[in-house]
Amino acid sequence: MLGPFSFVAASVILRCGVNSRPTAPVVAALSVLNRDKGDPSISAKQNKPKAAAKDDDKNERPIAQNRKARHNYEVLDTLECGIALVGSEVKSLRDGQISLEEAYGQVQQSEVWLVGCDIPEYRFAHQQNHAPKRRRKLLMHRRERKKFAALAYEKNYTLVPLKMYFKRGRAKVLLGLCRGKKQYDKRESMKKRDMQRDMDRALRR
């Protein structure tokens, strides 16, 4: 059975004649058809990441963002980490009770810890409550831990939590490998942000 491409090609050849030479427009049309025919498996692969990204967005529930981080630091790389929490902390996070403004990552004894993150006590936990600013272990693969820890140590970079969110019911931290901005870098960032805000306002009019 002829496919759509084979059927069109056969029709073109019959119209041109078996022994006649196809004209330039016919050759161009055949080449476009051949290109567009493609491999369905490749098309499926190209569509899969977009679908996966949409699914990830649907499964993410934002908890908090570190708004000062991108103003004070240049983010060079990011890594999604798990975080070790107790029950009362999870319940506080579900209520949106957290502050990341003073938080940072600390490498100690081959582990990475989140320090300075403020999760207020859960009001119904009573005696089983947690310490709001206790340090919390970040969960990542050994290879990722070595890479981030080595760069932070060798290049004197800072590990900064950029945001926290729930993903498929589990708390996650987006950890940034950051370099501190100089004063003129901050002014430049503010200028770009103001220009973008003005452009957005003009487009909304």
N, C-alpha and C. Protein backbone atom coordinates (compact mmCIF):
# COMPACT_ATOMS: atom_id res chain seq x y z
N MET A 1 0.85 -1.20 0.00
CA MET A 1 0.00 0.00 0.00
C MET A 1 0.88 1.24 0.00
N LEU A 2 0.57 2.22 -0.88
CA LEU A 2 1.40 3.42 -0.98
C LEU A 2 1.09 4.38 0.15
N GLY A 3 2.12 4.93 0.73
CA GLY A 3 1.96 5.99 1.72
C GLY A 3 1.65 7.30 1.02
N PRO A 4 1.34 8.38 1.79
CA PRO A 4 1.01 9.67 1.19
C PRO A 4 2.14 10.22 0.34
N PHE A 5 3.40 10.04 0.79
CA PHE A 5 4.54 10.56 0.03
C PHE A 5 4.72 9.79 -1.28
N SER A 6 4.61 8.42 -1.20
CA SER A 6 4.77 7.59 -2.40
C SER A 6 3.69 7.90 -3.41
N PHE A 7 2.46 8.13 -2.95
CA PHE A 7 1.34 8.43 -3.85
C PHE A 7 1.57 9.74 -4.59
N VAL A 8 2.00 10.78 -3.86
CA VAL A 8 2.26 12.07 -4.49
C VAL A 8 3.41 11.96 -5.48
N ALA A 9 4.48 11.24 -5.09
CA ALA A 9 5.64 11.09 -5.98
C ALA A 9 5.24 10.37 -7.26
N ALA A 10 4.42 9.31 -7.14
CA ALA A 10 3.99 8.56 -8.32
C ALA A 10 3.15 9.44 -9.24
N SER A 11 2.28 10.26 -8.63
CA SER A 11 1.43 11.15 -9.43
C SER A 11 2.27 12.14 -10.21
N VAL A 12 3.30 12.69 -9.56
CA VAL A 12 4.17 13.67 -10.21
C VAL A 12 4.91 13.03 -11.37
N ILE A 13 5.42 11.80 -11.17
CA ILE A 13 6.18 11.11 -12.22
C ILE A 13 5.30 10.81 -13.42
N LEU A 14 4.05 10.38 -13.14
CA LEU A 14 3.13 10.06 -14.24
C LEU A 14 2.80 11.30 -15.06
N ARG A 15 2.63 12.42 -14.37
CA ARG A 15 2.31 13.66 -15.09
C ARG A 15 3.49 14.13 -15.93
N CYS A 16 4.68 13.97 -15.40
CA CYS A 16 5.88 14.43 -16.11
C CYS A 16 6.26 13.46 -17.23
N GLY A 17 5.83 12.22 -17.08
CA GLY A 17 6.27 11.20 -18.04
C GLY A 17 7.39 10.40 -17.45
N VAL A 18 7.43 9.10 -17.80
CA VAL A 18 8.43 8.23 -17.19
C VAL A 18 9.82 8.62 -17.59
N ASN A 19 10.01 8.95 -18.87
CA ASN A 19 11.35 9.23 -19.38
C ASN A 19 11.70 10.72 -19.33
N SER A 20 10.71 11.54 -19.07
CA SER A 20 10.99 12.99 -19.04
C SER A 20 11.63 13.38 -17.73
N ARG A 21 12.30 14.48 -17.76
CA ARG A 21 13.01 14.96 -16.58
C ARG A 21 12.12 15.92 -15.79
N PRO A 22 11.93 15.72 -14.49
CA PRO A 22 11.08 16.64 -13.73
C PRO A 22 11.68 18.04 -13.71
N THR A 23 10.79 19.01 -13.75
CA THR A 23 11.23 20.41 -13.72
C THR A 23 11.71 20.78 -12.32
N ALA A 24 12.34 21.97 -12.24
CA ALA A 24 12.88 22.43 -10.95
C ALA A 24 11.81 22.56 -9.87
N PRO A 25 10.60 23.14 -10.17
CA PRO A 25 9.56 23.21 -9.13
C PRO A 25 9.15 21.85 -8.60
N VAL A 26 9.11 20.84 -9.53
CA VAL A 26 8.73 19.49 -9.11
C VAL A 26 9.78 18.90 -8.18
N VAL A 27 11.06 19.09 -8.53
CA VAL A 27 12.15 18.59 -7.67
C VAL A 27 12.09 19.24 -6.30
N ALA A 28 11.82 20.55 -6.28
CA ALA A 28 11.73 21.27 -5.00
C ALA A 28 10.58 20.74 -4.17
N ALA A 29 9.42 20.49 -4.82
CA ALA A 29 8.27 19.97 -4.08
C ALA A 29 8.55 18.61 -3.50
N LEU A 30 9.22 17.74 -4.29
CA LEU A 30 9.56 16.40 -3.80
C LEU A 30 10.52 16.45 -2.62
N SER A 31 11.48 17.37 -2.68
CA SER A 31 12.44 17.48 -1.58
C SER A 31 11.76 17.94 -0.31
N VAL A 32 10.79 18.89 -0.45
CA VAL A 32 10.05 19.36 0.74
C VAL A 32 9.23 18.23 1.33
N LEU A 33 8.55 17.45 0.45
CA LEU A 33 7.77 16.33 0.94
C LEU A 33 8.63 15.31 1.65
N ASN A 34 9.79 15.03 1.07
CA ASN A 34 10.71 14.07 1.67
C ASN A 34 11.20 14.54 3.03
N ARG A 35 11.46 15.85 3.13
CA ARG A 35 11.92 16.40 4.41
C ARG A 35 10.82 16.35 5.45
N ASP A 36 9.58 16.73 5.03
CA ASP A 36 8.48 16.79 5.98
C ASP A 36 8.01 15.41 6.40
N LYS A 37 8.29 14.40 5.52
CA LYS A 37 7.88 13.04 5.87
C LYS A 37 8.50 12.62 7.18
N GLY A 38 9.83 12.81 7.28
CA GLY A 38 10.57 12.62 8.51
C GLY A 38 10.39 11.25 9.12
N ASP A 39 10.92 11.15 10.31
CA ASP A 39 10.80 9.92 11.08
C ASP A 39 9.83 10.18 12.21
N PRO A 40 8.69 9.47 12.30
CA PRO A 40 7.72 9.74 13.36
C PRO A 40 8.30 9.58 14.75
N SER A 41 9.29 8.70 14.90
CA SER A 41 9.90 8.51 16.22
C SER A 41 10.64 9.75 16.66
N ILE A 42 11.29 10.46 15.67
CA ILE A 42 12.01 11.69 16.01
C ILE A 42 11.04 12.77 16.43
N SER A 43 9.91 12.88 15.69
CA SER A 43 8.91 13.87 16.05
C SER A 43 8.36 13.60 17.44
N ALA A 44 8.14 12.33 17.74
CA ALA A 44 7.62 11.99 19.07
C ALA A 44 8.61 12.36 20.15
N LYS A 45 9.91 12.11 19.86
CA LYS A 45 10.94 12.45 20.85
C LYS A 45 11.00 13.95 21.07
N GLN A 46 10.83 14.72 19.99
CA GLN A 46 10.89 16.17 20.11
C GLN A 46 9.72 16.69 20.92
N ASN A 47 8.58 16.01 20.85
CA ASN A 47 7.41 16.47 21.58
C ASN A 47 7.41 16.04 23.04
N LYS A 48 8.14 14.96 23.33
CA LYS A 48 8.13 14.44 24.69
C LYS A 48 8.65 15.41 25.74
N PRO A 49 9.81 16.10 25.54
CA PRO A 49 10.30 17.00 26.57
C PRO A 49 9.31 18.10 26.91
N LYS A 50 8.60 18.63 25.88
CA LYS A 50 7.64 19.69 26.14
C LYS A 50 6.51 19.16 27.02
N ALA A 51 6.03 17.96 26.68
CA ALA A 51 4.96 17.37 27.48
C ALA A 51 5.43 17.10 28.90
N ALA A 52 6.68 16.61 29.03
CA ALA A 52 7.23 16.33 30.36
C ALA A 52 7.37 17.61 31.16
N ALA A 53 7.82 18.69 30.49
CA ALA A 53 7.97 19.97 31.19
C ALA A 53 6.63 20.47 31.69
N LYS A 54 5.57 20.31 30.86
CA LYS A 54 4.24 20.75 31.28
C LYS A 54 3.76 19.93 32.47
N ASP A 55 4.03 18.62 32.45
CA ASP A 55 3.62 17.77 33.56
C ASP A 55 4.34 18.17 34.84
N ASP A 56 5.65 18.50 34.73
CA ASP A 56 6.41 18.92 35.90
C ASP A 56 5.83 20.21 36.48
N ASP A 57 5.45 21.15 35.59
CA ASP A 57 4.86 22.40 36.06
C ASP A 57 3.55 22.15 36.79
N LYS A 58 2.76 21.21 36.27
CA LYS A 58 1.48 20.90 36.93
C LYS A 58 1.70 20.28 38.29
N ASN A 59 2.77 19.49 38.42
CA ASN A 59 3.04 18.79 39.69
C ASN A 59 3.76 19.67 40.71
N GLU A 60 4.17 20.87 40.31
CA GLU A 60 4.86 21.77 41.22
C GLU A 60 3.89 22.73 41.89
N ARG A 61 4.04 22.86 43.21
CA ARG A 61 3.24 23.83 43.95
C ARG A 61 4.21 24.76 44.68
N PRO A 62 4.29 26.03 44.28
CA PRO A 62 5.27 26.95 44.89
C PRO A 62 5.00 27.15 46.37
N ILE A 63 6.09 27.26 47.13
CA ILE A 63 6.00 27.56 48.56
C ILE A 63 6.58 28.95 48.83
N ALA A 64 7.81 29.19 48.38
CA ALA A 64 8.46 30.49 48.62
C ALA A 64 9.57 30.70 47.60
N GLN A 65 9.86 31.98 47.32
CA GLN A 65 10.97 32.35 46.45
C GLN A 65 11.90 33.30 47.20
N ASN A 66 13.19 33.16 46.91
CA ASN A 66 14.19 34.05 47.47
C ASN A 66 14.39 35.22 46.49
N ARG A 67 13.59 36.27 46.66
CA ARG A 67 13.57 37.37 45.69
C ARG A 67 14.87 38.17 45.68
N LYS A 68 15.57 38.19 46.79
CA LYS A 68 16.81 38.97 46.87
C LYS A 68 17.98 38.25 46.21
N ALA A 69 17.85 36.95 46.01
CA ALA A 69 18.99 36.16 45.53
C ALA A 69 19.46 36.63 44.16
N ARG A 70 18.56 36.81 43.22
CA ARG A 70 18.96 37.19 41.86
C ARG A 70 19.38 38.65 41.78
N HIS A 71 19.01 39.43 42.77
CA HIS A 71 19.48 40.81 42.83
C HIS A 71 20.91 40.89 43.37
N ASN A 72 21.20 40.07 44.36
CA ASN A 72 22.52 40.12 45.01
C ASN A 72 23.55 39.19 44.38
N TYR A 73 23.08 38.20 43.62
CA TYR A 73 24.00 37.20 43.07
C TYR A 73 23.75 36.98 41.58
N GLU A 74 24.81 36.55 40.92
CA GLU A 74 24.71 36.05 39.55
C GLU A 74 24.62 34.53 39.62
N VAL A 75 23.53 33.97 39.14
CA VAL A 75 23.29 32.53 39.23
C VAL A 75 23.99 31.83 38.07
N LEU A 76 24.98 31.00 38.37
CA LEU A 76 25.78 30.31 37.35
C LEU A 76 25.22 28.95 37.00
N ASP A 77 24.62 28.26 37.96
CA ASP A 77 24.07 26.93 37.72
C ASP A 77 23.02 26.65 38.80
N THR A 78 22.11 25.74 38.53
CA THR A 78 21.08 25.38 39.51
C THR A 78 20.97 23.87 39.63
N LEU A 79 20.45 23.43 40.76
CA LEU A 79 20.28 22.01 41.02
C LEU A 79 19.06 21.82 41.91
N GLU A 80 18.18 20.91 41.51
CA GLU A 80 17.02 20.57 42.33
C GLU A 80 17.43 19.56 43.39
N CYS A 81 17.13 19.88 44.65
CA CYS A 81 17.52 19.01 45.77
C CYS A 81 16.28 18.63 46.58
N GLY A 82 16.36 17.47 47.20
CA GLY A 82 15.40 17.14 48.23
C GLY A 82 15.85 17.77 49.54
N ILE A 83 15.01 17.71 50.55
CA ILE A 83 15.37 18.27 51.85
C ILE A 83 14.77 17.40 52.94
N ALA A 84 15.57 17.13 54.00
CA ALA A 84 15.11 16.29 55.11
C ALA A 84 14.33 17.16 56.10
N LEU A 85 13.05 16.84 56.27
CA LEU A 85 12.16 17.62 57.14
C LEU A 85 11.45 16.70 58.12
N VAL A 86 10.98 17.29 59.20
CA VAL A 86 10.11 16.56 60.15
C VAL A 86 8.67 16.94 59.86
N GLY A 87 7.74 16.21 60.46
CA GLY A 87 6.33 16.38 60.14
C GLY A 87 5.79 17.78 60.37
N SER A 88 6.17 18.41 61.48
CA SER A 88 5.66 19.75 61.78
C SER A 88 6.17 20.78 60.78
N GLU A 89 7.38 20.56 60.26
CA GLU A 89 7.92 21.48 59.25
C GLU A 89 7.14 21.39 57.94
N VAL A 90 6.79 20.16 57.55
CA VAL A 90 6.01 19.97 56.32
C VAL A 90 4.66 20.67 56.45
N LYS A 91 4.03 20.56 57.60
CA LYS A 91 2.72 21.20 57.80
C LYS A 91 2.84 22.72 57.77
N SER A 92 3.92 23.27 58.31
CA SER A 92 4.14 24.71 58.23
C SER A 92 4.35 25.15 56.79
N LEU A 93 5.08 24.34 56.02
CA LEU A 93 5.31 24.67 54.62
C LEU A 93 4.01 24.65 53.82
N ARG A 94 3.12 23.73 54.15
CA ARG A 94 1.84 23.67 53.44
C ARG A 94 1.01 24.92 53.72
N ASP A 95 1.27 25.57 54.84
CA ASP A 95 0.61 26.85 55.16
C ASP A 95 1.37 28.04 54.59
N GLY A 96 2.49 27.76 53.90
CA GLY A 96 3.29 28.84 53.30
C GLY A 96 4.16 29.58 54.29
N GLN A 97 4.46 28.97 55.43
CA GLN A 97 5.23 29.62 56.47
C GLN A 97 6.72 29.29 56.30
N ILE A 98 7.47 30.20 55.67
CA ILE A 98 8.91 30.00 55.46
C ILE A 98 9.55 31.29 54.99
N SER A 99 10.81 31.48 55.32
CA SER A 99 11.59 32.60 54.80
C SER A 99 12.96 32.08 54.35
N LEU A 100 13.32 32.42 53.08
CA LEU A 100 14.60 31.99 52.52
C LEU A 100 15.61 33.13 52.43
N GLU A 101 15.26 34.32 52.87
CA GLU A 101 16.09 35.50 52.63
C GLU A 101 17.48 35.40 53.26
N GLU A 102 17.60 34.76 54.41
CA GLU A 102 18.89 34.65 55.08
C GLU A 102 19.50 33.25 54.94
N ALA A 103 18.92 32.44 54.10
CA ALA A 103 19.36 31.04 53.98
C ALA A 103 20.51 30.90 52.98
N TYR A 104 21.34 29.90 53.20
CA TYR A 104 22.45 29.58 52.29
C TYR A 104 22.84 28.12 52.47
N GLY A 105 23.54 27.58 51.49
CA GLY A 105 24.00 26.21 51.57
C GLY A 105 25.40 26.14 52.15
N GLN A 106 25.65 25.13 52.97
CA GLN A 106 26.95 24.96 53.63
C GLN A 106 27.42 23.52 53.43
N VAL A 107 28.66 23.38 52.97
CA VAL A 107 29.24 22.06 52.77
C VAL A 107 30.02 21.68 54.03
N GLN A 108 29.67 20.52 54.60
CA GLN A 108 30.34 20.07 55.82
C GLN A 108 30.35 18.55 55.85
N GLN A 109 31.56 18.00 55.97
CA GLN A 109 31.75 16.54 56.05
C GLN A 109 31.05 15.82 54.89
N SER A 110 31.33 16.29 53.68
CA SER A 110 30.81 15.68 52.44
C SER A 110 29.30 15.74 52.31
N GLU A 111 28.65 16.58 53.10
CA GLU A 111 27.22 16.76 53.00
C GLU A 111 26.92 18.25 52.80
N VAL A 112 25.76 18.53 52.21
CA VAL A 112 25.35 19.92 52.00
C VAL A 112 24.14 20.19 52.89
N TRP A 113 24.22 21.28 53.65
CA TRP A 113 23.18 21.65 54.61
C TRP A 113 22.57 23.00 54.25
N LEU A 114 21.29 23.14 54.53
CA LEU A 114 20.62 24.42 54.36
C LEU A 114 20.61 25.12 55.71
N VAL A 115 21.27 26.26 55.77
CA VAL A 115 21.44 27.00 57.02
C VAL A 115 20.69 28.32 56.93
N GLY A 116 20.08 28.72 58.04
CA GLY A 116 19.42 30.03 58.10
C GLY A 116 18.02 30.07 57.52
N CYS A 117 17.50 28.94 57.10
CA CYS A 117 16.14 28.89 56.58
C CYS A 117 15.16 28.91 57.76
N ASP A 118 14.24 29.84 57.76
CA ASP A 118 13.32 30.03 58.89
C ASP A 118 11.96 29.42 58.55
N ILE A 119 11.65 28.30 59.19
CA ILE A 119 10.32 27.67 59.08
C ILE A 119 9.67 27.78 60.46
N PRO A 120 8.72 28.67 60.63
CA PRO A 120 8.10 28.86 61.95
C PRO A 120 7.47 27.58 62.49
N GLU A 121 7.33 27.52 63.79
CA GLU A 121 6.72 26.35 64.43
C GLU A 121 5.27 26.19 63.95
N TYR A 122 4.85 24.93 63.88
CA TYR A 122 3.46 24.64 63.55
C TYR A 122 2.63 24.76 64.82
N ARG A 123 1.60 25.55 64.74
CA ARG A 123 0.89 25.92 65.98
C ARG A 123 0.16 24.76 66.65
N PHE A 124 -0.14 23.67 65.90
CA PHE A 124 -0.86 22.55 66.50
C PHE A 124 0.06 21.39 66.88
N ALA A 125 1.38 21.58 66.73
CA ALA A 125 2.31 20.48 67.00
C ALA A 125 2.64 20.34 68.48
N HIS A 126 2.51 21.42 69.27
CA HIS A 126 2.75 21.42 70.71
C HIS A 126 4.18 20.96 71.04
N GLN A 127 4.34 19.91 71.82
CA GLN A 127 5.67 19.50 72.29
C GLN A 127 6.52 18.86 71.19
N GLN A 128 5.93 18.42 70.13
CA GLN A 128 6.68 17.76 69.05
C GLN A 128 7.11 18.76 67.97
N ASN A 129 7.15 20.03 68.32
CA ASN A 129 7.51 21.05 67.34
C ASN A 129 9.00 21.04 67.04
N HIS A 130 9.39 21.78 66.02
CA HIS A 130 10.77 21.84 65.56
C HIS A 130 11.39 23.19 65.90
N ALA A 131 12.71 23.26 65.81
CA ALA A 131 13.42 24.53 65.97
C ALA A 131 13.34 25.27 64.64
N PRO A 132 12.80 26.50 64.61
CA PRO A 132 12.55 27.19 63.33
C PRO A 132 13.78 27.36 62.44
N LYS A 133 14.94 27.65 63.01
CA LYS A 133 16.11 27.94 62.19
C LYS A 133 17.18 26.84 62.26
N ARG A 134 16.75 25.64 62.54
CA ARG A 134 17.73 24.54 62.59
C ARG A 134 18.27 24.29 61.18
N ARG A 135 19.49 23.75 61.10
CA ARG A 135 20.03 23.44 59.78
C ARG A 135 19.43 22.14 59.29
N ARG A 136 19.20 22.07 58.00
CA ARG A 136 18.50 20.93 57.41
C ARG A 136 19.33 20.35 56.28
N LYS A 137 19.38 19.03 56.21
CA LYS A 137 20.20 18.35 55.22
C LYS A 137 19.54 18.39 53.85
N LEU A 138 20.32 18.77 52.82
CA LEU A 138 19.85 18.75 51.45
C LEU A 138 20.20 17.40 50.82
N LEU A 139 19.26 16.83 50.10
CA LEU A 139 19.42 15.49 49.54
C LEU A 139 19.73 15.58 48.05
N MET A 140 20.87 15.05 47.66
CA MET A 140 21.28 15.05 46.26
C MET A 140 22.18 13.85 45.99
N HIS A 141 22.36 13.52 44.73
CA HIS A 141 23.23 12.40 44.37
C HIS A 141 24.69 12.75 44.68
N ARG A 142 25.49 11.72 44.92
CA ARG A 142 26.89 11.92 45.30
C ARG A 142 27.64 12.70 44.22
N ARG A 143 27.38 12.38 42.95
CA ARG A 143 28.07 13.07 41.85
C ARG A 143 27.72 14.56 41.84
N GLU A 144 26.45 14.87 42.03
CA GLU A 144 26.02 16.27 42.06
C GLU A 144 26.59 16.99 43.27
N ARG A 145 26.64 16.28 44.40
CA ARG A 145 27.17 16.88 45.62
C ARG A 145 28.64 17.22 45.46
N LYS A 146 29.41 16.30 44.88
CA LYS A 146 30.83 16.54 44.67
C LYS A 146 31.07 17.72 43.74
N LYS A 147 30.27 17.78 42.66
CA LYS A 147 30.43 18.85 41.68
C LYS A 147 30.15 20.22 42.30
N PHE A 148 29.03 20.34 42.99
CA PHE A 148 28.65 21.63 43.57
C PHE A 148 29.59 22.02 44.70
N ALA A 149 29.93 21.04 45.53
CA ALA A 149 30.82 21.33 46.66
C ALA A 149 32.20 21.75 46.17
N ALA A 150 32.71 21.07 45.14
CA ALA A 150 34.04 21.40 44.61
C ALA A 150 34.06 22.80 44.01
N LEU A 151 33.04 23.15 43.24
CA LEU A 151 33.00 24.48 42.64
C LEU A 151 32.85 25.57 43.70
N ALA A 152 32.02 25.31 44.68
CA ALA A 152 31.82 26.30 45.75
C ALA A 152 33.12 26.53 46.52
N TYR A 153 33.88 25.46 46.73
CA TYR A 153 35.12 25.58 47.50
C TYR A 153 36.24 26.20 46.66
N GLU A 154 36.43 25.70 45.43
CA GLU A 154 37.55 26.14 44.60
C GLU A 154 37.37 27.57 44.08
N LYS A 155 36.16 27.90 43.66
CA LYS A 155 35.91 29.20 43.06
C LYS A 155 35.36 30.23 44.06
N ASN A 156 35.20 29.80 45.30
CA ASN A 156 34.65 30.67 46.34
C ASN A 156 33.25 31.16 45.97
N TYR A 157 32.44 30.25 45.40
CA TYR A 157 31.06 30.58 45.08
C TYR A 157 30.17 30.34 46.29
N THR A 158 28.96 30.86 46.22
CA THR A 158 27.99 30.72 47.31
C THR A 158 26.84 29.84 46.86
N LEU A 159 26.38 28.96 47.73
CA LEU A 159 25.21 28.13 47.46
C LEU A 159 23.99 28.82 48.05
N VAL A 160 23.06 29.21 47.19
CA VAL A 160 21.91 30.00 47.61
C VAL A 160 20.62 29.29 47.20
N PRO A 161 19.68 29.12 48.16
CA PRO A 161 18.37 28.55 47.78
C PRO A 161 17.55 29.60 47.03
N LEU A 162 17.15 29.30 45.81
CA LEU A 162 16.41 30.26 44.99
C LEU A 162 14.91 30.16 45.22
N LYS A 163 14.43 28.95 45.45
CA LYS A 163 13.01 28.78 45.74
C LYS A 163 12.78 27.41 46.36
N MET A 164 11.61 27.27 46.99
CA MET A 164 11.20 25.99 47.56
C MET A 164 9.78 25.70 47.06
N TYR A 165 9.51 24.42 46.78
CA TYR A 165 8.22 24.06 46.22
C TYR A 165 7.94 22.59 46.51
N PHE A 166 6.68 22.22 46.39
CA PHE A 166 6.29 20.82 46.48
C PHE A 166 6.23 20.25 45.07
N LYS A 167 6.82 19.07 44.89
CA LYS A 167 6.78 18.38 43.60
C LYS A 167 6.36 16.94 43.85
N ARG A 168 5.20 16.59 43.33
CA ARG A 168 4.62 15.26 43.57
C ARG A 168 4.53 14.97 45.08
N GLY A 169 4.17 16.00 45.83
CA GLY A 169 3.94 15.84 47.26
C GLY A 169 5.18 15.94 48.13
N ARG A 170 6.37 16.13 47.53
CA ARG A 170 7.60 16.20 48.31
C ARG A 170 8.23 17.58 48.20
N ALA A 171 8.77 18.06 49.30
CA ALA A 171 9.40 19.38 49.31
C ALA A 171 10.73 19.35 48.55
N LYS A 172 10.93 20.33 47.69
CA LYS A 172 12.16 20.44 46.91
C LYS A 172 12.74 21.85 47.06
N VAL A 173 14.06 21.93 46.92
CA VAL A 173 14.77 23.21 46.96
C VAL A 173 15.54 23.37 45.66
N LEU A 174 15.38 24.52 45.00
CA LEU A 174 16.20 24.83 43.83
C LEU A 174 17.42 25.59 44.34
N LEU A 175 18.56 24.90 44.35
CA LEU A 175 19.79 25.47 44.88
C LEU A 175 20.60 26.09 43.75
N GLY A 176 21.05 27.32 43.96
CA GLY A 176 21.83 28.01 42.94
C GLY A 176 23.30 28.10 43.31
N LEU A 177 24.16 27.87 42.32
CA LEU A 177 25.59 28.11 42.48
C LEU A 177 25.83 29.55 42.03
N CYS A 178 26.15 30.42 42.96
CA CYS A 178 26.09 31.86 42.70
C CYS A 178 27.42 32.56 42.96
N ARG A 179 27.57 33.68 42.23
CA ARG A 179 28.71 34.56 42.42
C ARG A 179 28.17 35.94 42.78
N GLY A 180 28.73 36.53 43.81
CA GLY A 180 28.24 37.82 44.28
C GLY A 180 28.39 38.91 43.23
N LYS A 181 27.36 39.74 43.10
CA LYS A 181 27.40 40.85 42.16
C LYS A 181 28.10 42.05 42.77
N LYS A 182 28.80 42.80 41.93
CA LYS A 182 29.37 44.07 42.36
C LYS A 182 28.28 45.13 42.27
N GLN A 183 28.56 46.31 42.82
CA GLN A 183 27.54 47.35 42.89
C GLN A 183 27.05 47.76 41.51
N TYR A 184 27.96 47.88 40.54
CA TYR A 184 27.52 48.31 39.21
C TYR A 184 26.71 47.22 38.52
N ASP A 185 26.98 45.93 38.87
CA ASP A 185 26.17 44.84 38.33
C ASP A 185 24.74 44.94 38.83
N LYS A 186 24.59 45.30 40.11
CA LYS A 186 23.26 45.43 40.69
C LYS A 186 22.50 46.58 40.03
N ARG A 187 23.21 47.70 39.78
CA ARG A 187 22.56 48.84 39.12
C ARG A 187 22.12 48.46 37.71
N GLU A 188 22.95 47.69 37.02
CA GLU A 188 22.62 47.26 35.67
C GLU A 188 21.40 46.34 35.67
N SER A 189 21.33 45.46 36.67
CA SER A 189 20.18 44.56 36.78
C SER A 189 18.90 45.34 37.05
N MET A 190 19.00 46.34 37.92
CA MET A 190 17.84 47.16 38.22
C MET A 190 17.39 47.94 36.99
N LYS A 191 18.36 48.43 36.20
CA LYS A 191 18.03 49.18 34.99
C LYS A 191 17.29 48.28 33.99
N LYS A 192 17.79 47.06 33.82
CA LYS A 192 17.15 46.12 32.90
C LYS A 192 15.74 45.76 33.38
N ARG A 193 15.60 45.58 34.69
CA ARG A 193 14.28 45.24 35.23
C ARG A 193 13.29 46.38 35.02
N ASP A 194 13.75 47.62 35.22
CA ASP A 194 12.88 48.78 35.02
C ASP A 194 12.48 48.91 33.54
N MET A 195 13.44 48.66 32.65
CA MET A 195 13.14 48.74 31.21
C MET A 195 12.12 47.67 30.82
N GLN A 196 12.28 46.47 31.36
CA GLN A 196 11.33 45.40 31.06
C GLN A 196 9.95 45.73 31.59
N ARG A 197 9.89 46.33 32.78
CA ARG A 197 8.60 46.72 33.36
C ARG A 197 7.91 47.76 32.50
N ASP A 198 8.68 48.75 32.01
CA ASP A 198 8.11 49.78 31.14
C ASP A 198 7.59 49.18 29.83
N MET A 199 8.34 48.22 29.27
CA MET A 199 7.90 47.57 28.03
C MET A 199 6.61 46.79 28.26
N ASP A 200 6.51 46.11 29.39
CA ASP A 200 5.30 45.34 29.69
C ASP A 200 4.10 46.26 29.84
N ARG A 201 4.30 47.41 30.50
CA ARG A 201 3.21 48.36 30.66
C ARG A 201 2.76 48.92 29.32
N ALA A 202 3.74 49.19 28.45
CA ALA A 202 3.40 49.76 27.14
C ALA A 202 2.61 48.74 26.30
N LEU A 203 2.97 47.44 26.42
CA LEU A 203 2.27 46.42 25.66
C LEU A 203 0.85 46.20 26.17
N ARG A 204 0.63 46.43 27.46
CA ARG A 204 -0.71 46.22 28.03
C ARG A 204 -1.68 47.34 27.65
N ARG A 205 -1.16 48.49 27.22
CA ARG A 205 -2.03 49.62 26.87
C ARG A 205 -2.76 49.37 25.57
